[in-house]
C-alpha atoms as a PDB file:
ATOM      1  CA  MET A   1      38.089 -57.500 -37.141  1.00  0.00           C
ATOM      2  CA  VAL A   2      41.059 -55.074 -37.755  1.00  0.00           C
ATOM      3  CA  GLU A   3      44.420 -56.218 -36.900  1.00  0.00           C
ATOM      4  CA  ALA A   4      47.062 -53.813 -35.422  1.00  0.00           C
ATOM      5  CA  VAL A   5      50.001 -53.157 -37.539  1.00  0.00           C
ATOM      6  CA  PRO A   6      53.610 -52.581 -36.205  1.00  0.00           C
ATOM      7  CA  TYR A   7      53.988 -49.274 -38.140  1.00  0.00           C
ATOM      8  CA  GLN A   8      52.483 -45.924 -38.836  1.00  0.00           C
ATOM      9  CA  ASP A   9      51.556 -44.678 -42.224  1.00  0.00           C
ATOM     10  CA  GLN A  10      51.614 -40.959 -43.384  1.00  0.00           C
ATOM     11  CA  PRO A  11      50.280 -40.024 -46.854  1.00  0.00           C
ATOM     12  CA  SER A  12      53.013 -37.940 -48.543  1.00  0.00           C
ATOM     13  CA  ALA A  13      51.671 -37.760 -52.310  1.00  0.00           C
ATOM     14  CA  LEU A  14      49.215 -39.530 -54.754  1.00  0.00           C
ATOM     15  CA  GLN A  15      49.928 -43.240 -54.430  1.00  0.00           C
ATOM     16  CA  CYS A  16      52.853 -42.586 -52.028  1.00  0.00           C
ATOM     17  CA  PHE A  17      53.195 -42.526 -48.180  1.00  0.00           C
ATOM     18  CA  GLU A  18      55.869 -42.703 -45.616  1.00  0.00           C
ATOM     19  CA  ARG A  19      55.845 -45.794 -43.227  1.00  0.00           C
ATOM     20  CA  THR A  20      57.716 -45.459 -39.894  1.00  0.00           C
ATOM     21  CA  PHE A  21      58.567 -48.684 -37.842  1.00  0.00           C
ATOM     22  CA  PRO A  22      59.498 -47.827 -34.287  1.00  0.00           C
ATOM     23  CA  SER A  23      62.790 -49.159 -32.810  1.00  0.00           C
ATOM     24  CA  ASP A  24      61.184 -50.868 -30.176  1.00  0.00           C
ATOM     25  CA  VAL A  25      58.743 -53.080 -32.462  1.00  0.00           C
ATOM     26  CA  GLN A  26      58.669 -56.724 -31.584  1.00  0.00           C
ATOM     27  CA  GLU A  27      60.511 -59.028 -33.998  1.00  0.00           C
ATOM     28  CA  SER A  28      57.380 -61.275 -33.928  1.00  0.00           C
ATOM     29  CA  GLU A  29      55.246 -58.397 -35.408  1.00  0.00           C
ATOM     30  CA  LEU A  30      57.538 -58.052 -38.495  1.00  0.00           C
ATOM     31  CA  VAL A  31      55.982 -61.095 -40.371  1.00  0.00           C
ATOM     32  CA  TRP A  32      56.514 -62.381 -43.851  1.00  0.00           C
ATOM     33  CA  HIS A  33      53.848 -60.889 -46.205  1.00  0.00           C
ATOM     34  CA  ARG A  34      53.123 -59.900 -49.721  1.00  0.00           C
ATOM     35  CA  ASP A  35      51.428 -56.857 -51.074  1.00  0.00           C
ATOM     36  CA  HIS A  36      48.678 -56.567 -53.658  1.00  0.00           C
ATOM     37  CA  ALA A  37      50.525 -53.834 -55.823  1.00  0.00           C
ATOM     38  CA  THR A  38      53.968 -53.525 -56.934  1.00  0.00           C
ATOM     39  CA  ARG A  39      55.973 -50.996 -54.737  1.00  0.00           C
ATOM     40  CA  ARG A  40      58.952 -48.723 -54.891  1.00  0.00           C
ATOM     41  CA  ILE A  41      60.588 -48.459 -51.585  1.00  0.00           C
ATOM     42  CA  THR A  42      63.201 -45.855 -50.580  1.00  0.00           C
ATOM     43  CA  VAL A  43      64.835 -45.727 -47.148  1.00  0.00           C
ATOM     44  CA  VAL A  44      64.484 -42.211 -45.653  1.00  0.00           C
ATOM     45  CA  GLN A  45      65.939 -42.956 -42.055  1.00  0.00           C
ATOM     46  CA  GLY A  46      67.164 -46.016 -40.135  1.00  0.00           C
ATOM     47  CA  SER A  47      70.265 -47.947 -39.202  1.00  0.00           C
ATOM     48  CA  GLY A  48      70.820 -51.738 -38.747  1.00  0.00           C
ATOM     49  CA  TRP A  49      67.538 -52.733 -40.364  1.00  0.00           C
ATOM     50  CA  GLN A  50      67.488 -55.339 -43.097  1.00  0.00           C
ATOM     51  CA  PHE A  51      65.073 -56.370 -46.006  1.00  0.00           C
ATOM     52  CA  GLN A  52      64.723 -59.759 -47.037  1.00  0.00           C
ATOM     53  CA  PHE A  53      62.806 -61.362 -50.212  1.00  0.00           C
ATOM     54  CA  ASP A  54      61.738 -65.060 -49.763  1.00  0.00           C
ATOM     55  CA  ASN A  55      64.302 -67.627 -50.467  1.00  0.00           C
ATOM     56  CA  GLN A  56      67.175 -64.964 -50.270  1.00  0.00           C
ATOM     57  CA  ILE A  57      69.651 -63.708 -47.814  1.00  0.00           C
ATOM     58  CA  PRO A  58      68.604 -60.601 -45.778  1.00  0.00           C
ATOM     59  CA  ARG A  59      70.476 -57.496 -46.854  1.00  0.00           C
ATOM     60  CA  MET A  60      71.376 -54.584 -44.771  1.00  0.00           C
ATOM     61  CA  ILE A  61      69.365 -51.213 -45.975  1.00  0.00           C
ATOM     62  CA  GLN A  62      70.469 -47.747 -45.348  1.00  0.00           C
ATOM     63  CA  PRO A  63      69.174 -44.210 -46.146  1.00  0.00           C
ATOM     64  CA  GLY A  64      68.946 -43.718 -49.874  1.00  0.00           C
ATOM     65  CA  ASP A  65      68.483 -47.323 -50.869  1.00  0.00           C
ATOM     66  CA  SER A  66      65.836 -48.065 -53.187  1.00  0.00           C
ATOM     67  CA  TRP A  67      64.235 -51.135 -54.707  1.00  0.00           C
ATOM     68  CA  CYS A  68      60.849 -52.699 -56.077  1.00  0.00           C
ATOM     69  CA  VAL A  69      58.812 -55.334 -54.528  1.00  0.00           C
ATOM     70  CA  PRO A  70      56.638 -57.010 -57.136  1.00  0.00           C
ATOM     71  CA  ALA A  71      53.022 -57.593 -56.409  1.00  0.00           C
ATOM     72  CA  GLY A  72      52.612 -60.979 -54.579  1.00  0.00           C
ATOM     73  CA  VAL A  73      56.184 -61.647 -53.838  1.00  0.00           C
ATOM     74  CA  TYR A  74      56.910 -62.538 -49.996  1.00  0.00           C
ATOM     75  CA  HIS A  75      59.107 -60.221 -48.109  1.00  0.00           C
ATOM     76  CA  ARG A  76      59.969 -58.947 -44.690  1.00  0.00           C
ATOM     77  CA  ILE A  77      61.810 -56.288 -42.706  1.00  0.00           C
ATOM     78  CA  ILE A  78      64.268 -57.310 -39.798  1.00  0.00           C
ATOM     79  CA  ARG A  79      64.578 -54.773 -36.920  1.00  0.00           C
ATOM     80  CA  GLY A  80      67.517 -52.557 -36.654  1.00  0.00           C
ATOM     81  CA  CYS A  81      68.753 -49.903 -34.140  1.00  0.00           C
ATOM     82  CA  ASP A  82      66.559 -46.892 -34.463  1.00  0.00           C
ATOM     83  CA  ASP A  83      63.116 -45.930 -36.220  1.00  0.00           C
ATOM     84  CA  LEU A  84      63.030 -46.966 -39.650  1.00  0.00           C
ATOM     85  CA  VAL A  85      61.319 -44.492 -42.156  1.00  0.00           C
ATOM     86  CA  LEU A  86      60.411 -45.935 -45.671  1.00  0.00           C
ATOM     87  CA  SER A  87      58.898 -43.897 -48.563  1.00  0.00           C
ATOM     88  CA  ILE A  88      56.536 -46.231 -50.470  1.00  0.00           C
ATOM     89  CA  GLN A  89      55.157 -45.587 -53.962  1.00  0.00           C
ATOM     90  CA  GLU A  90      52.654 -47.968 -55.220  1.00  0.00           C
ATOM     91  CA  ILE A  91      53.087 -48.550 -58.954  1.00  0.00           C
END
């Protein structure tokens, strides 16, 4: 069974893609999760959104921000005001 996801992915380059979270996504859909690969994430668009690593305080993110999420580390996104677009590169 394939579960629905609260985002849309668009390939942009080898091992890179853009992920869009709509502004009307339900908070309950933005779940804690971990990825199998380390990822470099860059904010392309969005305001009022936050990113949180497990056991850390959420931090505001804005266009131009970039950070790495190591494989296997729990994290989540917290909804903001408009659509969030992320550029994601698997390392």
